[in-house]
Amino acid sequence: PLKSNSAIASQTIAIAESPTDIRWL
């Protein structure tokens, strides 16, 4: 969904702000 509740939206923002550095993998 394009519009979601705030809990899902905050999780999405948190994921987008902390990408995994492939070098560390």
PDB file of all heavy atoms in Angstrom:
ATOM      1  N   PRO A   1       0.826  -1.207   0.000  1.00  0.00           N
ATOM      2  CA  PRO A   1       0.000   0.000   0.000  1.00  0.00           C
ATOM      3  C   PRO A   1       0.860   1.257   0.000  1.00  0.00           C
ATOM      4  O   PRO A   1       1.915   1.301   0.619  1.00  0.00           O
ATOM      5  CB  PRO A   1      -0.808  -0.113   1.293  1.00  0.00           C
ATOM      6  CG  PRO A   1      -0.020  -1.043   2.155  1.00  0.00           C
ATOM      7  CD  PRO A   1       0.715  -1.957   1.235  1.00  0.00           C
ATOM      8  N   LEU A   2       0.402   2.286  -0.736  1.00  0.00           N
ATOM      9  CA  LEU A   2       1.137   3.542  -0.775  1.00  0.00           C
ATOM     10  C   LEU A   2       0.970   4.323   0.515  1.00  0.00           C
ATOM     11  O   LEU A   2       1.875   5.015   0.942  1.00  0.00           O
ATOM     12  CB  LEU A   2       0.674   4.386  -1.961  1.00  0.00           C
ATOM     13  CG  LEU A   2       0.990   3.803  -3.329  1.00  0.00           C
ATOM     14  CD1 LEU A   2       0.412   4.674  -4.423  1.00  0.00           C
ATOM     15  CD2 LEU A   2       2.483   3.629  -3.510  1.00  0.00           C
ATOM     16  N   LYS A   3      -0.190   4.195   1.129  1.00  0.00           N
ATOM     17  CA  LYS A   3      -0.426   4.844   2.412  1.00  0.00           C
ATOM     18  C   LYS A   3      -0.568   3.749   3.446  1.00  0.00           C
ATOM     19  O   LYS A   3      -1.341   2.822   3.282  1.00  0.00           O
ATOM     20  CB  LYS A   3      -1.680   5.696   2.373  1.00  0.00           C
ATOM     21  CG  LYS A   3      -1.553   6.885   1.462  1.00  0.00           C
ATOM     22  CD  LYS A   3      -2.765   7.758   1.528  1.00  0.00           C
ATOM     23  CE  LYS A   3      -2.570   8.966   0.640  1.00  0.00           C
ATOM     24  NZ  LYS A   3      -3.693   9.891   0.722  1.00  0.00           N
ATOM     25  N   SER A   4       0.227   3.850   4.486  1.00  0.00           N
ATOM     26  CA  SER A   4       0.198   2.812   5.503  1.00  0.00           C
ATOM     27  C   SER A   4       0.126   3.466   6.874  1.00  0.00           C
ATOM     28  O   SER A   4       0.292   4.672   7.017  1.00  0.00           O
ATOM     29  CB  SER A   4       1.435   1.935   5.404  1.00  0.00           C
ATOM     30  OG  SER A   4       2.589   2.710   5.588  1.00  0.00           O
ATOM     31  N   ASN A   5      -0.051   2.627   7.884  1.00  0.00           N
ATOM     32  CA  ASN A   5      -0.080   3.199   9.228  1.00  0.00           C
ATOM     33  C   ASN A   5       1.326   3.651   9.614  1.00  0.00           C
ATOM     34  O   ASN A   5       2.317   3.290   9.005  1.00  0.00           O
ATOM     35  CB  ASN A   5      -0.687   2.217  10.242  1.00  0.00           C
ATOM     36  CG  ASN A   5       0.173   0.984  10.435  1.00  0.00           C
ATOM     37  OD1 ASN A   5       1.381   1.041  10.308  1.00  0.00           O
ATOM     38  ND2 ASN A   5      -0.449  -0.131  10.748  1.00  0.00           N
ATOM     39  N   SER A   6       1.436   4.456  10.640  1.00  0.00           N
ATOM     40  CA  SER A   6       2.713   5.079  11.000  1.00  0.00           C
ATOM     41  C   SER A   6       3.771   4.067  11.418  1.00  0.00           C
ATOM     42  O   SER A   6       4.951   4.279  11.200  1.00  0.00           O
ATOM     43  CB  SER A   6       2.507   6.112  12.098  1.00  0.00           C
ATOM     44  OG  SER A   6       1.992   5.478  13.252  1.00  0.00           O
ATOM     45  N   ALA A   7       3.372   2.949  12.011  1.00  0.00           N
ATOM     46  CA  ALA A   7       4.357   1.945  12.443  1.00  0.00           C
ATOM     47  C   ALA A   7       5.067   1.352  11.239  1.00  0.00           C
ATOM     48  O   ALA A   7       6.292   1.219  11.223  1.00  0.00           O
ATOM     49  CB  ALA A   7       3.677   0.855  13.253  1.00  0.00           C
ATOM     50  N   ILE A   8       4.309   0.996  10.217  1.00  0.00           N
ATOM     51  CA  ILE A   8       4.922   0.417   9.014  1.00  0.00           C
ATOM     52  C   ILE A   8       5.758   1.477   8.307  1.00  0.00           C
ATOM     53  O   ILE A   8       6.860   1.207   7.848  1.00  0.00           O
ATOM     54  CB  ILE A   8       3.843  -0.160   8.083  1.00  0.00           C
ATOM     55  CG1 ILE A   8       3.180  -1.366   8.745  1.00  0.00           C
ATOM     56  CG2 ILE A   8       4.444  -0.554   6.739  1.00  0.00           C
ATOM     57  CD1 ILE A   8       2.001  -1.920   7.980  1.00  0.00           C
ATOM     58  N   ALA A   9       5.259   2.690   8.233  1.00  0.00           N
ATOM     59  CA  ALA A   9       6.004   3.761   7.569  1.00  0.00           C
ATOM     60  C   ALA A   9       7.323   4.031   8.273  1.00  0.00           C
ATOM     61  O   ALA A   9       8.345   4.213   7.624  1.00  0.00           O
ATOM     62  CB  ALA A   9       5.160   5.028   7.527  1.00  0.00           C
ATOM     63  N   SER A  10       7.333   4.040   9.598  1.00  0.00           N
ATOM     64  CA  SER A  10       8.582   4.297  10.312  1.00  0.00           C
ATOM     65  C   SER A  10       9.571   3.162  10.119  1.00  0.00           C
ATOM     66  O   SER A  10      10.767   3.385  10.048  1.00  0.00           O
ATOM     67  CB  SER A  10       8.315   4.543  11.798  1.00  0.00           C
ATOM     68  OG  SER A  10       7.793   3.376  12.399  1.00  0.00           O
ATOM     69  N   GLN A  11       9.085   1.921  10.016  1.00  0.00           N
ATOM     70  CA  GLN A  11       9.977   0.788   9.743  1.00  0.00           C
ATOM     71  C   GLN A  11      10.581   0.927   8.358  1.00  0.00           C
ATOM     72  O   GLN A  11      11.756   0.687   8.161  1.00  0.00           O
ATOM     73  CB  GLN A  11       9.224  -0.532   9.850  1.00  0.00           C
ATOM     74  CG  GLN A  11       8.859  -0.926  11.243  1.00  0.00           C
ATOM     75  CD  GLN A  11       8.016  -2.196  11.276  1.00  0.00           C
ATOM     76  OE1 GLN A  11       7.553  -2.675  10.244  1.00  0.00           O
ATOM     77  NE2 GLN A  11       7.828  -2.736  12.460  1.00  0.00           N
ATOM     78  N   THR A  12       9.778   1.333   7.385  1.00  0.00           N
ATOM     79  CA  THR A  12      10.266   1.508   6.023  1.00  0.00           C
ATOM     80  C   THR A  12      11.335   2.586   5.975  1.00  0.00           C
ATOM     81  O   THR A  12      12.372   2.428   5.356  1.00  0.00           O
ATOM     82  CB  THR A  12       9.102   1.874   5.079  1.00  0.00           C
ATOM     83  OG1 THR A  12       8.118   0.855   5.169  1.00  0.00           O
ATOM     84  CG2 THR A  12       9.576   2.001   3.649  1.00  0.00           C
ATOM     85  N   ILE A  13      11.119   3.689   6.678  1.00  0.00           N
ATOM     86  CA  ILE A  13      12.100   4.770   6.701  1.00  0.00           C
ATOM     87  C   ILE A  13      13.383   4.304   7.383  1.00  0.00           C
ATOM     88  O   ILE A  13      14.470   4.562   6.897  1.00  0.00           O
ATOM     89  CB  ILE A  13      11.516   6.012   7.413  1.00  0.00           C
ATOM     90  CG1 ILE A  13      10.410   6.607   6.541  1.00  0.00           C
ATOM     91  CG2 ILE A  13      12.593   7.039   7.698  1.00  0.00           C
ATOM     92  CD1 ILE A  13       9.598   7.665   7.228  1.00  0.00           C
ATOM     93  N   ALA A  14      13.259   3.563   8.474  1.00  0.00           N
ATOM     94  CA  ALA A  14      14.444   3.073   9.180  1.00  0.00           C
ATOM     95  C   ALA A  14      15.262   2.155   8.286  1.00  0.00           C
ATOM     96  O   ALA A  14      16.483   2.219   8.270  1.00  0.00           O
ATOM     97  CB  ALA A  14      14.038   2.355  10.457  1.00  0.00           C
ATOM     98  N   ILE A  15      14.599   1.303   7.530  1.00  0.00           N
ATOM     99  CA  ILE A  15      15.307   0.392   6.628  1.00  0.00           C
ATOM    100  C   ILE A  15      15.994   1.189   5.535  1.00  0.00           C
ATOM    101  O   ILE A  15      17.143   0.942   5.191  1.00  0.00           O
ATOM    102  CB  ILE A  15      14.338  -0.651   6.037  1.00  0.00           C
ATOM    103  CG1 ILE A  15      13.880  -1.607   7.132  1.00  0.00           C
ATOM    104  CG2 ILE A  15      14.989  -1.412   4.892  1.00  0.00           C
ATOM    105  CD1 ILE A  15      12.740  -2.513   6.727  1.00  0.00           C
ATOM    106  N   ALA A  16      15.322   2.176   4.980  1.00  0.00           N
ATOM    107  CA  ALA A  16      15.884   2.960   3.893  1.00  0.00           C
ATOM    108  C   ALA A  16      17.086   3.778   4.346  1.00  0.00           C
ATOM    109  O   ALA A  16      17.986   4.031   3.572  1.00  0.00           O
ATOM    110  CB  ALA A  16      14.819   3.877   3.312  1.00  0.00           C
ATOM    111  N   GLU A  17      17.140   4.173   5.602  1.00  0.00           N
ATOM    112  CA  GLU A  17      18.232   5.005   6.088  1.00  0.00           C
ATOM    113  C   GLU A  17      19.480   4.215   6.459  1.00  0.00           C
ATOM    114  O   GLU A  17      20.535   4.786   6.608  1.00  0.00           O
ATOM    115  CB  GLU A  17      17.764   5.812   7.299  1.00  0.00           C
ATOM    116  CG  GLU A  17      16.751   6.877   6.946  1.00  0.00           C
ATOM    117  CD  GLU A  17      16.218   7.601   8.154  1.00  0.00           C
ATOM    118  OE1 GLU A  17      16.548   7.207   9.289  1.00  0.00           O
ATOM    119  OE2 GLU A  17      15.467   8.557   7.965  1.00  0.00           O
ATOM    120  N   SER A  18      19.371   2.909   6.629  1.00  0.00           N
ATOM    121  CA  SER A  18      20.532   2.132   7.036  1.00  0.00           C
ATOM    122  C   SER A  18      20.787   0.964   6.079  1.00  0.00           C
ATOM    123  O   SER A  18      20.565  -0.177   6.423  1.00  0.00           O
ATOM    124  CB  SER A  18      20.344   1.615   8.459  1.00  0.00           C
ATOM    125  OG  SER A  18      19.186   0.802   8.501  1.00  0.00           O
ATOM    126  N   PRO A  19      21.280   1.263   4.865  1.00  0.00           N
ATOM    127  CA  PRO A  19      21.563   0.178   3.932  1.00  0.00           C
ATOM    128  C   PRO A  19      22.759  -0.647   4.404  1.00  0.00           C
ATOM    129  O   PRO A  19      23.649  -0.149   5.087  1.00  0.00           O
ATOM    130  CB  PRO A  19      21.894   0.907   2.632  1.00  0.00           C
ATOM    131  CG  PRO A  19      22.385   2.234   3.072  1.00  0.00           C
ATOM    132  CD  PRO A  19      21.622   2.557   4.330  1.00  0.00           C
ATOM    133  N   THR A  20      22.751  -1.900   4.046  1.00  0.00           N
ATOM    134  CA  THR A  20      23.839  -2.787   4.421  1.00  0.00           C
ATOM    135  C   THR A  20      25.033  -2.535   3.506  1.00  0.00           C
ATOM    136  O   THR A  20      24.897  -2.473   2.297  1.00  0.00           O
ATOM    137  CB  THR A  20      23.398  -4.259   4.296  1.00  0.00           C
ATOM    138  OG1 THR A  20      22.272  -4.457   5.137  1.00  0.00           O
ATOM    139  CG2 THR A  20      24.510  -5.212   4.675  1.00  0.00           C
ATOM    140  N   ASP A  21      26.190  -2.367   4.101  1.00  0.00           N
ATOM    141  CA  ASP A  21      27.414  -2.185   3.327  1.00  0.00           C
ATOM    142  C   ASP A  21      27.858  -3.565   2.869  1.00  0.00           C
ATOM    143  O   ASP A  21      28.214  -4.420   3.686  1.00  0.00           O
ATOM    144  CB  ASP A  21      28.485  -1.522   4.198  1.00  0.00           C
ATOM    145  CG  ASP A  21      29.709  -1.112   3.409  1.00  0.00           C
ATOM    146  OD1 ASP A  21      29.913  -1.628   2.283  1.00  0.00           O
ATOM    147  OD2 ASP A  21      30.474  -0.287   3.913  1.00  0.00           O
ATOM    148  N   ILE A  22      27.830  -3.789   1.583  1.00  0.00           N
ATOM    149  CA  ILE A  22      28.186  -5.100   1.029  1.00  0.00           C
ATOM    150  C   ILE A  22      29.620  -5.464   1.383  1.00  0.00           C
ATOM    151  O   ILE A  22      29.940  -6.626   1.578  1.00  0.00           O
ATOM    152  CB  ILE A  22      27.966  -5.116  -0.497  1.00  0.00           C
ATOM    153  CG1 ILE A  22      26.471  -4.977  -0.794  1.00  0.00           C
ATOM    154  CG2 ILE A  22      28.523  -6.383  -1.122  1.00  0.00           C
ATOM    155  CD1 ILE A  22      26.140  -4.851  -2.241  1.00  0.00           C
ATOM    156  N   ARG A  23      30.474  -4.453   1.526  1.00  0.00           N
ATOM    157  CA  ARG A  23      31.865  -4.735   1.899  1.00  0.00           C
ATOM    158  C   ARG A  23      31.925  -5.415   3.254  1.00  0.00           C
ATOM    159  O   ARG A  23      32.740  -6.307   3.466  1.00  0.00           O
ATOM    160  CB  ARG A  23      32.685  -3.447   1.925  1.00  0.00           C
ATOM    161  CG  ARG A  23      32.804  -2.788   0.560  1.00  0.00           C
ATOM    162  CD  ARG A  23      33.486  -1.460   0.617  1.00  0.00           C
ATOM    163  NE  ARG A  23      32.778  -0.600   1.557  1.00  0.00           N
ATOM    164  CZ  ARG A  23      33.348   0.433   2.178  1.00  0.00           C
ATOM    165  NH1 ARG A  23      34.599   0.730   1.974  1.00  0.00           N
ATOM    166  NH2 ARG A  23      32.663   1.180   3.004  1.00  0.00           N
ATOM    167  N   TRP A  24      31.043  -5.022   4.189  1.00  0.00           N
ATOM    168  CA  TRP A  24      31.074  -5.648   5.504  1.00  0.00           C
ATOM    169  C   TRP A  24      30.592  -7.090   5.433  1.00  0.00           C
ATOM    170  O   TRP A  24      31.074  -7.944   6.163  1.00  0.00           O
ATOM    171  CB  TRP A  24      30.266  -4.847   6.524  1.00  0.00           C
ATOM    172  CG  TRP A  24      30.564  -5.369   7.883  1.00  0.00           C
ATOM    173  CD1 TRP A  24      29.750  -6.105   8.681  1.00  0.00           C
ATOM    174  CD2 TRP A  24      31.808  -5.280   8.581  1.00  0.00           C
ATOM    175  NE1 TRP A  24      30.398  -6.462   9.839  1.00  0.00           N
ATOM    176  CE2 TRP A  24      31.669  -5.963   9.797  1.00  0.00           C
ATOM    177  CE3 TRP A  24      33.029  -4.681   8.286  1.00  0.00           C
ATOM    178  CZ2 TRP A  24      32.703  -6.058  10.722  1.00  0.00           C
ATOM    179  CZ3 TRP A  24      34.051  -4.781   9.210  1.00  0.00           C
ATOM    180  CH2 TRP A  24      33.881  -5.465  10.414  1.00  0.00           C
ATOM    181  N   LEU A  25      29.674  -7.380   4.523  1.00  0.00           N
ATOM    182  CA  LEU A  25      29.249  -8.776   4.328  1.00  0.00           C
ATOM    183  C   LEU A  25      30.436  -9.626   3.872  1.00  0.00           C
ATOM    184  O   LEU A  25      30.585 -10.772   4.293  1.00  0.00           O
ATOM    185  CB  LEU A  25      28.112  -8.856   3.316  1.00  0.00           C
ATOM    186  CG  LEU A  25      26.801  -8.190   3.729  1.00  0.00           C
ATOM    187  CD1 LEU A  25      25.791  -8.248   2.582  1.00  0.00           C
ATOM    188  CD2 LEU A  25      26.235  -8.829   4.971  1.00  0.00           C
TER     189      LEU A  25
END
